[in-house]
């Protein structure tokens, strides 16, 4: 046999041995190169849940005690809360109000941990309205601005409810 054919056959065999698994893998991923070489790490859940634990009034405001729970897998550094409230007091006084709560230096909330924040919404005094109220119906829109590993994220949510004050 010719001595120049043997190196060519060995080279061809090596190419087939190393290239065929790549071709088979691309075939398995429908020739999608991004899926074939992409990162396949474990899925990570990042989320906050909100719950109104108490609603009460003082002279000219409605105060919501809001429990924020980290239901995700990573620690979250809360920076601030932005909230908007549409409410009806005693089925007759309707008002809207906005507030913002800033955590000084942030608040690090670990997975399955929670924090309670009092959000104070001012009520514009209305002529002829009684000075105290007994019930409330509300729609509270909350947006938490936070950081996860120094990356900014936000967690919007809408809470609706009502009951006695």
N, C-alpha and C. Protein backbone atom coordinates (compact mmCIF):
# COMPACT_ATOMS: atom_id res chain seq x y z
N UNK A 1 0.83 -1.17 0.00
CA UNK A 1 0.00 0.00 0.00
C UNK A 1 0.88 1.24 0.00
N UNK A 2 0.36 2.28 -0.56
CA UNK A 2 1.12 3.50 -0.69
C UNK A 2 1.26 4.19 0.66
N UNK A 3 2.47 4.68 0.99
CA UNK A 3 2.73 5.31 2.29
C UNK A 3 2.01 6.64 2.44
N UNK A 4 1.63 7.34 1.42
CA UNK A 4 0.95 8.63 1.53
C UNK A 4 -0.55 8.47 1.78
N UNK A 5 -1.12 7.30 1.53
CA UNK A 5 -2.55 7.08 1.76
C UNK A 5 -2.84 6.84 3.24
N UNK A 6 -1.95 6.18 3.97
CA UNK A 6 -2.17 5.86 5.38
C UNK A 6 -2.32 7.13 6.23
N UNK A 7 -1.47 8.13 6.13
CA UNK A 7 -1.69 9.36 6.92
C UNK A 7 -2.99 10.06 6.55
N UNK A 8 -3.36 10.00 5.29
CA UNK A 8 -4.62 10.64 4.88
C UNK A 8 -5.82 9.90 5.48
N UNK A 9 -5.77 8.58 5.54
CA UNK A 9 -6.86 7.81 6.14
C UNK A 9 -6.95 8.05 7.65
N UNK A 10 -5.78 8.13 8.31
CA UNK A 10 -5.76 8.40 9.75
C UNK A 10 -6.34 9.79 10.03
N UNK A 11 -5.96 10.78 9.24
CA UNK A 11 -6.51 12.13 9.41
C UNK A 11 -8.02 12.14 9.18
N UNK A 12 -8.48 11.47 8.15
CA UNK A 12 -9.92 11.39 7.87
C UNK A 12 -10.66 10.70 9.01
N UNK A 13 -10.10 9.62 9.54
CA UNK A 13 -10.71 8.90 10.65
C UNK A 13 -10.77 9.79 11.91
N UNK A 14 -9.71 10.52 12.21
CA UNK A 14 -9.70 11.43 13.35
C UNK A 14 -10.75 12.55 13.19
N UNK A 15 -10.88 13.08 12.02
CA UNK A 15 -11.88 14.12 11.76
C UNK A 15 -13.28 13.56 11.98
N UNK A 16 -13.55 12.38 11.49
CA UNK A 16 -14.87 11.75 11.66
C UNK A 16 -15.14 11.48 13.14
N UNK A 17 -14.13 11.01 13.87
CA UNK A 17 -14.32 10.69 15.29
C UNK A 17 -14.62 11.95 16.10
N UNK A 18 -13.99 13.08 15.80
CA UNK A 18 -14.19 14.29 16.57
C UNK A 18 -15.36 15.15 16.08
N UNK A 19 -15.70 15.08 14.83
CA UNK A 19 -16.75 15.93 14.27
C UNK A 19 -18.14 15.28 14.41
N UNK A 20 -18.21 13.96 14.30
CA UNK A 20 -19.52 13.31 14.33
C UNK A 20 -20.30 13.55 15.63
N UNK A 21 -19.67 13.57 16.83
CA UNK A 21 -20.46 13.91 18.02
C UNK A 21 -21.03 15.33 17.98
N UNK A 22 -20.29 16.28 17.42
CA UNK A 22 -20.79 17.64 17.29
C UNK A 22 -21.99 17.69 16.35
N UNK A 23 -21.89 17.00 15.25
CA UNK A 23 -23.00 16.96 14.30
C UNK A 23 -24.22 16.29 14.93
N UNK A 24 -24.00 15.21 15.66
CA UNK A 24 -25.11 14.52 16.34
C UNK A 24 -25.75 15.44 17.40
N UNK A 25 -24.94 16.15 18.15
CA UNK A 25 -25.46 17.06 19.16
C UNK A 25 -26.27 18.19 18.55
N UNK A 26 -25.77 18.78 17.48
CA UNK A 26 -26.53 19.82 16.80
C UNK A 26 -27.84 19.28 16.25
N UNK A 27 -27.81 18.05 15.75
CA UNK A 27 -29.03 17.42 15.25
C UNK A 27 -30.05 17.26 16.39
N UNK A 28 -29.58 16.87 17.57
CA UNK A 28 -30.47 16.70 18.72
C UNK A 28 -31.12 18.02 19.14
N UNK A 29 -30.45 19.14 18.93
CA UNK A 29 -30.97 20.46 19.29
C UNK A 29 -31.52 21.20 18.07
N UNK A 30 -31.97 20.47 17.09
CA UNK A 30 -32.57 21.04 15.87
C UNK A 30 -31.67 22.08 15.22
N UNK A 31 -30.39 21.85 15.24
CA UNK A 31 -29.38 22.69 14.62
C UNK A 31 -29.36 24.10 15.19
N UNK A 32 -29.82 24.26 16.43
CA UNK A 32 -29.79 25.55 17.10
C UNK A 32 -28.50 25.63 17.91
N UNK A 33 -27.54 26.36 17.39
CA UNK A 33 -26.23 26.45 18.01
C UNK A 33 -26.29 27.11 19.39
N UNK A 34 -27.17 28.11 19.58
CA UNK A 34 -27.29 28.78 20.88
C UNK A 34 -27.76 27.82 21.96
N UNK A 35 -28.75 26.98 21.67
CA UNK A 35 -29.21 26.01 22.66
C UNK A 35 -28.16 24.93 22.90
N UNK A 36 -27.43 24.58 21.87
CA UNK A 36 -26.43 23.52 21.96
C UNK A 36 -25.28 23.91 22.89
N UNK A 37 -24.83 25.14 22.81
CA UNK A 37 -23.68 25.56 23.62
C UNK A 37 -24.11 26.43 24.80
N UNK A 38 -25.41 26.65 25.00
CA UNK A 38 -25.91 27.54 26.04
C UNK A 38 -25.74 27.00 27.44
N UNK A 39 -25.86 27.91 28.39
CA UNK A 39 -25.74 27.59 29.81
C UNK A 39 -27.00 26.85 30.26
N UNK A 40 -26.81 25.75 30.97
CA UNK A 40 -27.94 24.97 31.45
C UNK A 40 -27.89 24.83 32.97
N UNK A 41 -27.90 25.96 33.64
CA UNK A 41 -27.87 25.93 35.10
C UNK A 41 -29.25 25.69 35.67
N UNK A 42 -29.29 25.51 36.95
CA UNK A 42 -30.57 25.30 37.63
C UNK A 42 -31.40 26.58 37.57
N UNK A 43 -32.70 26.42 37.43
CA UNK A 43 -33.59 27.57 37.39
C UNK A 43 -33.67 28.20 38.78
N UNK A 44 -33.58 29.52 38.82
CA UNK A 44 -33.58 30.25 40.08
C UNK A 44 -34.86 31.09 40.15
N UNK A 45 -35.56 30.99 41.26
CA UNK A 45 -36.78 31.76 41.48
C UNK A 45 -36.44 33.03 42.25
N UNK A 46 -36.88 34.18 41.73
CA UNK A 46 -36.67 35.46 42.39
C UNK A 46 -38.02 36.15 42.45
N UNK A 47 -38.60 36.29 43.65
CA UNK A 47 -39.92 36.90 43.76
C UNK A 47 -40.18 37.37 45.18
N UNK A 48 -41.05 38.36 45.27
CA UNK A 48 -41.52 38.87 46.56
C UNK A 48 -43.03 38.70 46.62
N UNK A 49 -43.54 38.42 47.81
CA UNK A 49 -44.99 38.42 48.00
C UNK A 49 -45.35 39.54 48.98
N UNK A 50 -46.53 40.08 48.79
CA UNK A 50 -46.99 41.19 49.62
C UNK A 50 -48.28 40.78 50.32
N UNK A 51 -48.44 41.27 51.55
CA UNK A 51 -49.68 41.01 52.30
C UNK A 51 -49.93 42.20 53.21
N UNK A 52 -51.15 42.71 53.16
CA UNK A 52 -51.53 43.79 54.07
C UNK A 52 -51.91 43.15 55.40
N UNK A 53 -51.13 43.43 56.44
CA UNK A 53 -51.38 42.81 57.74
C UNK A 53 -52.28 43.67 58.62
N UNK A 54 -52.33 44.98 58.38
CA UNK A 54 -53.15 45.85 59.22
C UNK A 54 -53.40 47.16 58.48
N UNK A 55 -54.60 47.70 58.63
CA UNK A 55 -54.95 49.01 58.08
C UNK A 55 -55.57 49.83 59.22
N UNK A 56 -55.07 51.04 59.42
CA UNK A 56 -55.63 51.90 60.45
C UNK A 56 -55.48 53.35 60.04
N UNK A 57 -56.18 54.23 60.74
CA UNK A 57 -56.15 55.65 60.41
C UNK A 57 -55.64 56.44 61.61
N UNK A 58 -55.12 57.63 61.30
CA UNK A 58 -54.84 58.62 62.34
C UNK A 58 -55.51 59.92 61.89
N UNK A 59 -55.06 61.05 62.35
CA UNK A 59 -55.76 62.31 62.09
C UNK A 59 -56.05 62.57 60.61
N UNK A 60 -55.06 62.50 59.76
CA UNK A 60 -55.27 62.83 58.35
C UNK A 60 -54.60 61.84 57.41
N UNK A 61 -54.52 60.59 57.82
CA UNK A 61 -53.88 59.60 56.95
C UNK A 61 -54.41 58.20 57.22
N UNK A 62 -54.20 57.35 56.21
CA UNK A 62 -54.48 55.93 56.32
C UNK A 62 -53.14 55.23 56.29
N UNK A 63 -52.91 54.30 57.21
CA UNK A 63 -51.62 53.62 57.33
C UNK A 63 -51.82 52.13 57.05
N UNK A 64 -51.04 51.62 56.11
CA UNK A 64 -51.07 50.21 55.74
C UNK A 64 -49.79 49.55 56.27
N UNK A 65 -49.95 48.53 57.09
CA UNK A 65 -48.80 47.71 57.48
C UNK A 65 -48.67 46.62 56.44
N UNK A 66 -47.61 46.70 55.67
CA UNK A 66 -47.41 45.81 54.53
C UNK A 66 -46.29 44.82 54.85
N UNK A 67 -46.61 43.54 54.80
CA UNK A 67 -45.59 42.51 55.00
C UNK A 67 -45.03 42.11 53.64
N UNK A 68 -43.72 42.19 53.52
CA UNK A 68 -43.03 41.82 52.29
C UNK A 68 -42.21 40.58 52.58
N UNK A 69 -42.47 39.51 51.83
CA UNK A 69 -41.78 38.23 52.06
C UNK A 69 -41.00 37.84 50.81
N UNK A 70 -39.76 37.44 51.02
CA UNK A 70 -38.92 36.94 49.93
C UNK A 70 -39.26 35.46 49.72
N UNK A 71 -39.96 35.15 48.64
CA UNK A 71 -40.34 33.76 48.35
C UNK A 71 -39.43 33.15 47.28
N UNK A 72 -38.31 33.80 47.04
CA UNK A 72 -37.37 33.32 46.04
C UNK A 72 -36.23 32.54 46.65
N UNK A 73 -35.23 32.29 45.82
CA UNK A 73 -34.07 31.49 46.22
C UNK A 73 -32.84 32.33 46.53
N UNK A 74 -32.88 33.63 46.26
CA UNK A 74 -31.71 34.49 46.44
C UNK A 74 -32.02 35.62 47.41
N UNK A 75 -31.02 36.13 48.14
CA UNK A 75 -31.25 37.31 48.97
C UNK A 75 -31.52 38.53 48.10
N UNK A 76 -32.40 39.40 48.58
CA UNK A 76 -32.79 40.60 47.85
C UNK A 76 -32.51 41.80 48.73
N UNK A 77 -31.87 42.82 48.18
CA UNK A 77 -31.59 44.05 48.90
C UNK A 77 -32.64 45.09 48.50
N UNK A 78 -33.63 45.31 49.39
CA UNK A 78 -34.69 46.29 49.12
C UNK A 78 -34.15 47.70 49.26
N UNK A 79 -34.41 48.54 48.28
CA UNK A 79 -33.96 49.93 48.33
C UNK A 79 -35.10 50.88 48.65
N UNK A 80 -36.25 50.72 47.95
CA UNK A 80 -37.38 51.59 48.24
C UNK A 80 -38.68 50.97 47.76
N UNK A 81 -39.78 51.46 48.32
CA UNK A 81 -41.13 51.07 47.93
C UNK A 81 -41.85 52.29 47.38
N UNK A 82 -42.50 52.11 46.26
CA UNK A 82 -43.36 53.15 45.71
C UNK A 82 -44.77 52.59 45.72
N UNK A 83 -45.72 53.36 46.27
CA UNK A 83 -47.08 52.84 46.40
C UNK A 83 -48.10 53.89 45.98
N UNK A 84 -49.16 53.40 45.38
CA UNK A 84 -50.27 54.24 44.97
C UNK A 84 -51.55 53.61 45.49
N UNK A 85 -52.42 54.42 46.07
CA UNK A 85 -53.62 53.92 46.71
C UNK A 85 -54.86 54.57 46.13
N UNK A 86 -55.84 53.75 45.76
CA UNK A 86 -57.19 54.19 45.44
C UNK A 86 -58.08 53.57 46.50
N UNK A 87 -58.80 54.39 47.25
CA UNK A 87 -59.58 53.85 48.35
C UNK A 87 -60.91 54.57 48.51
N UNK A 88 -61.83 53.87 49.14
CA UNK A 88 -63.13 54.44 49.50
C UNK A 88 -63.33 54.17 50.98
N UNK A 89 -63.58 55.24 51.73
CA UNK A 89 -63.81 55.13 53.16
C UNK A 89 -65.31 55.20 53.44
N UNK A 90 -65.81 54.27 54.22
CA UNK A 90 -67.23 54.20 54.59
C UNK A 90 -68.16 54.29 53.38
N UNK A 91 -67.73 53.77 52.25
CA UNK A 91 -68.53 53.71 51.03
C UNK A 91 -68.96 55.09 50.52
N UNK A 92 -68.29 56.17 50.98
CA UNK A 92 -68.72 57.49 50.55
C UNK A 92 -67.57 58.44 50.24
N UNK A 93 -66.44 58.30 50.87
CA UNK A 93 -65.31 59.21 50.64
C UNK A 93 -64.26 58.48 49.81
N UNK A 94 -64.11 58.90 48.56
CA UNK A 94 -63.13 58.27 47.67
C UNK A 94 -61.90 59.17 47.57
N UNK A 95 -60.72 58.56 47.64
CA UNK A 95 -59.49 59.36 47.51
C UNK A 95 -58.39 58.52 46.88
N UNK A 96 -57.41 59.22 46.33
CA UNK A 96 -56.20 58.59 45.81
C UNK A 96 -55.01 59.27 46.47
N UNK A 97 -53.96 58.50 46.67
CA UNK A 97 -52.77 59.04 47.32
C UNK A 97 -51.57 58.21 46.92
N UNK A 98 -50.40 58.82 46.94
CA UNK A 98 -49.14 58.13 46.64
C UNK A 98 -48.17 58.35 47.78
N UNK A 99 -47.30 57.38 47.96
CA UNK A 99 -46.26 57.52 48.97
C UNK A 99 -45.03 56.74 48.53
N UNK A 100 -43.94 57.02 49.18
CA UNK A 100 -42.68 56.34 48.90
C UNK A 100 -41.97 56.07 50.22
N UNK A 101 -41.42 54.88 50.35
CA UNK A 101 -40.70 54.51 51.56
C UNK A 101 -39.29 54.10 51.12
N UNK A 102 -38.26 54.76 51.66
CA UNK A 102 -36.89 54.46 51.30
C UNK A 102 -36.18 53.79 52.47
N UNK A 103 -35.52 52.68 52.19
CA UNK A 103 -34.73 51.99 53.21
C UNK A 103 -33.34 52.63 53.24
N UNK A 104 -32.96 53.16 54.37
CA UNK A 104 -31.63 53.76 54.49
C UNK A 104 -30.60 52.64 54.37
N UNK A 105 -29.68 52.75 53.44
CA UNK A 105 -28.64 51.75 53.16
C UNK A 105 -29.22 50.42 52.69
N UNK A 106 -30.48 50.39 52.30
CA UNK A 106 -31.09 49.15 51.81
C UNK A 106 -31.44 48.21 52.96
N UNK A 107 -32.26 47.23 52.66
CA UNK A 107 -32.63 46.22 53.66
C UNK A 107 -32.46 44.87 52.99
N UNK A 108 -31.54 44.06 53.49
CA UNK A 108 -31.25 42.76 52.91
C UNK A 108 -32.25 41.73 53.45
N UNK A 109 -33.07 41.20 52.58
CA UNK A 109 -34.08 40.23 52.99
C UNK A 109 -33.70 38.86 52.43
N UNK A 110 -33.48 37.93 53.33
CA UNK A 110 -33.04 36.58 52.96
C UNK A 110 -34.23 35.75 52.46
N UNK A 111 -33.97 34.65 51.75
CA UNK A 111 -35.07 33.78 51.31
C UNK A 111 -35.91 33.31 52.49
N UNK A 112 -37.22 33.30 52.32
CA UNK A 112 -38.22 32.92 53.32
C UNK A 112 -38.25 33.84 54.53
N UNK A 113 -37.65 35.01 54.42
CA UNK A 113 -37.69 35.99 55.49
C UNK A 113 -38.67 37.09 55.08
N UNK A 114 -39.10 37.89 56.04
CA UNK A 114 -40.06 38.96 55.72
C UNK A 114 -39.73 40.21 56.52
N UNK A 115 -40.30 41.32 56.07
CA UNK A 115 -40.18 42.59 56.75
C UNK A 115 -41.55 43.27 56.68
N UNK A 116 -41.90 44.01 57.74
CA UNK A 116 -43.16 44.75 57.78
C UNK A 116 -42.84 46.24 57.70
N UNK A 117 -43.51 46.91 56.76
CA UNK A 117 -43.30 48.33 56.53
C UNK A 117 -44.63 49.05 56.67
N UNK A 118 -44.65 50.19 57.37
CA UNK A 118 -45.85 51.01 57.48
C UNK A 118 -45.84 52.07 56.39
N UNK A 119 -46.81 52.00 55.49
CA UNK A 119 -46.96 52.99 54.42
C UNK A 119 -48.05 53.96 54.81
N UNK A 120 -47.71 55.24 54.88
CA UNK A 120 -48.64 56.27 55.34
C UNK A 120 -49.13 57.08 54.14
N UNK A 121 -50.45 57.04 53.91
CA UNK A 121 -51.08 57.77 52.81
C UNK A 121 -51.90 58.91 53.40
N UNK A 122 -51.63 60.13 52.95
CA UNK A 122 -52.36 61.27 53.49
C UNK A 122 -53.74 61.38 52.84
N UNK A 123 -54.71 61.80 53.66
CA UNK A 123 -56.07 62.03 53.20
C UNK A 123 -56.30 63.53 53.20
N UNK A 124 -56.73 64.07 52.07
CA UNK A 124 -57.05 65.48 52.01
C UNK A 124 -58.37 65.70 52.76
N UNK A 125 -58.38 66.58 53.73
CA UNK A 125 -59.62 66.81 54.48
C UNK A 125 -60.74 67.29 53.56
N UNK A 126 -61.92 66.71 53.73
CA UNK A 126 -63.07 67.07 52.91
C UNK A 126 -64.10 67.74 53.81
N UNK A 127 -64.59 68.88 53.37
CA UNK A 127 -65.56 69.63 54.16
C UNK A 127 -66.81 68.78 54.37
N UNK A 128 -67.28 68.69 55.57
CA UNK A 128 -68.50 67.96 55.88
C UNK A 128 -68.28 66.48 56.14
N UNK A 129 -67.07 65.95 55.92
CA UNK A 129 -66.80 64.53 56.17
C UNK A 129 -66.56 64.31 57.65
N UNK A 130 -66.98 63.17 58.13
CA UNK A 130 -66.78 62.88 59.54
C UNK A 130 -65.29 62.65 59.82
N UNK A 131 -64.81 62.94 61.03
CA UNK A 131 -63.38 62.88 61.32
C UNK A 131 -62.84 61.46 61.50
N UNK A 132 -63.71 60.46 61.61
CA UNK A 132 -63.23 59.09 61.76
C UNK A 132 -64.00 58.20 60.77
N UNK A 133 -63.42 57.07 60.46
CA UNK A 133 -64.02 56.17 59.49
C UNK A 133 -64.03 54.76 60.06
N UNK A 134 -64.97 53.96 59.60
CA UNK A 134 -65.12 52.62 60.16
C UNK A 134 -64.79 51.52 59.17
N UNK A 135 -64.78 51.81 57.86
CA UNK A 135 -64.46 50.75 56.89
C UNK A 135 -63.73 51.34 55.69
N UNK A 136 -63.05 50.45 54.96
CA UNK A 136 -62.28 50.87 53.79
C UNK A 136 -62.34 49.78 52.72
N UNK A 137 -62.41 50.21 51.48
CA UNK A 137 -62.22 49.35 50.31
C UNK A 137 -61.03 49.95 49.56
N UNK A 138 -60.05 49.15 49.17
CA UNK A 138 -58.85 49.73 48.59
C UNK A 138 -58.29 48.90 47.44
N UNK A 139 -57.50 49.59 46.63
CA UNK A 139 -56.65 48.99 45.60
C UNK A 139 -55.28 49.64 45.78
N UNK A 140 -54.32 48.82 46.20
CA UNK A 140 -52.98 49.29 46.52
C UNK A 140 -52.00 48.74 45.48
N UNK A 141 -51.36 49.64 44.75
CA UNK A 141 -50.35 49.25 43.76
C UNK A 141 -48.98 49.53 44.37
N UNK A 142 -48.18 48.48 44.47
CA UNK A 142 -46.87 48.58 45.12
C UNK A 142 -45.80 48.17 44.13
N UNK A 143 -44.70 48.92 44.13
CA UNK A 143 -43.54 48.57 43.33
C UNK A 143 -42.31 48.64 44.23
N UNK A 144 -41.65 47.51 44.42
CA UNK A 144 -40.43 47.46 45.21
C UNK A 144 -39.23 47.58 44.28
N UNK A 145 -38.36 48.52 44.57
CA UNK A 145 -37.12 48.68 43.83
C UNK A 145 -36.03 48.03 44.67
N UNK A 146 -35.29 47.11 44.05
CA UNK A 146 -34.30 46.33 44.81
C UNK A 146 -33.08 46.04 43.96
N UNK A 147 -32.13 45.38 44.60
CA UNK A 147 -30.91 44.92 43.91
C UNK A 147 -30.70 43.45 44.24
N UNK A 148 -30.27 42.72 43.22
CA UNK A 148 -29.86 41.34 43.41
C UNK A 148 -28.47 41.23 42.80
N UNK A 149 -27.48 40.98 43.62
CA UNK A 149 -26.08 40.94 43.18
C UNK A 149 -25.72 42.20 42.40
N UNK A 150 -26.09 43.36 42.95
CA UNK A 150 -25.82 44.68 42.38
C UNK A 150 -26.52 44.95 41.05
N UNK A 151 -27.51 44.15 40.69
CA UNK A 151 -28.31 44.38 39.50
C UNK A 151 -29.68 44.91 39.91
N UNK A 152 -30.12 46.05 39.33
CA UNK A 152 -31.41 46.62 39.74
C UNK A 152 -32.58 45.78 39.20
N UNK A 153 -33.58 45.58 40.05
CA UNK A 153 -34.80 44.87 39.68
C UNK A 153 -35.98 45.58 40.34
N UNK A 154 -37.18 45.33 39.81
CA UNK A 154 -38.38 45.86 40.46
C UNK A 154 -39.42 44.75 40.54
N UNK A 155 -40.25 44.83 41.56
CA UNK A 155 -41.28 43.83 41.82
C UNK A 155 -42.63 44.53 41.95
N UNK A 156 -43.37 44.70 40.87
CA UNK A 156 -44.69 45.34 40.99
C UNK A 156 -45.75 44.35 41.44
N UNK A 157 -46.76 44.89 42.13
CA UNK A 157 -47.88 44.05 42.58
C UNK A 157 -49.09 44.93 42.84
N UNK A 158 -50.28 44.31 42.77
CA UNK A 158 -51.52 44.99 43.06
C UNK A 158 -52.23 44.22 44.16
N UNK A 159 -52.63 44.91 45.22
CA UNK A 159 -53.35 44.31 46.33
C UNK A 159 -54.73 44.98 46.42
N UNK A 160 -55.76 44.18 46.51
CA UNK A 160 -57.11 44.71 46.66
C UNK A 160 -57.75 44.08 47.89
N UNK A 161 -58.55 44.86 48.57
CA UNK A 161 -59.21 44.32 49.74
C UNK A 161 -60.07 45.36 50.42
N UNK A 162 -60.46 45.05 51.61
CA UNK A 162 -61.29 45.96 52.38
C UNK A 162 -61.70 45.34 53.69
N UNK A 163 -62.39 46.14 54.48
CA UNK A 163 -62.85 45.66 55.76
C UNK A 163 -62.92 46.78 56.77
N UNK A 164 -63.15 46.42 58.03
CA UNK A 164 -63.26 47.46 59.06
C UNK A 164 -61.90 48.06 59.41
N UNK A 165 -61.94 49.30 59.87
CA UNK A 165 -60.72 49.97 60.32
C UNK A 165 -60.58 49.86 61.82
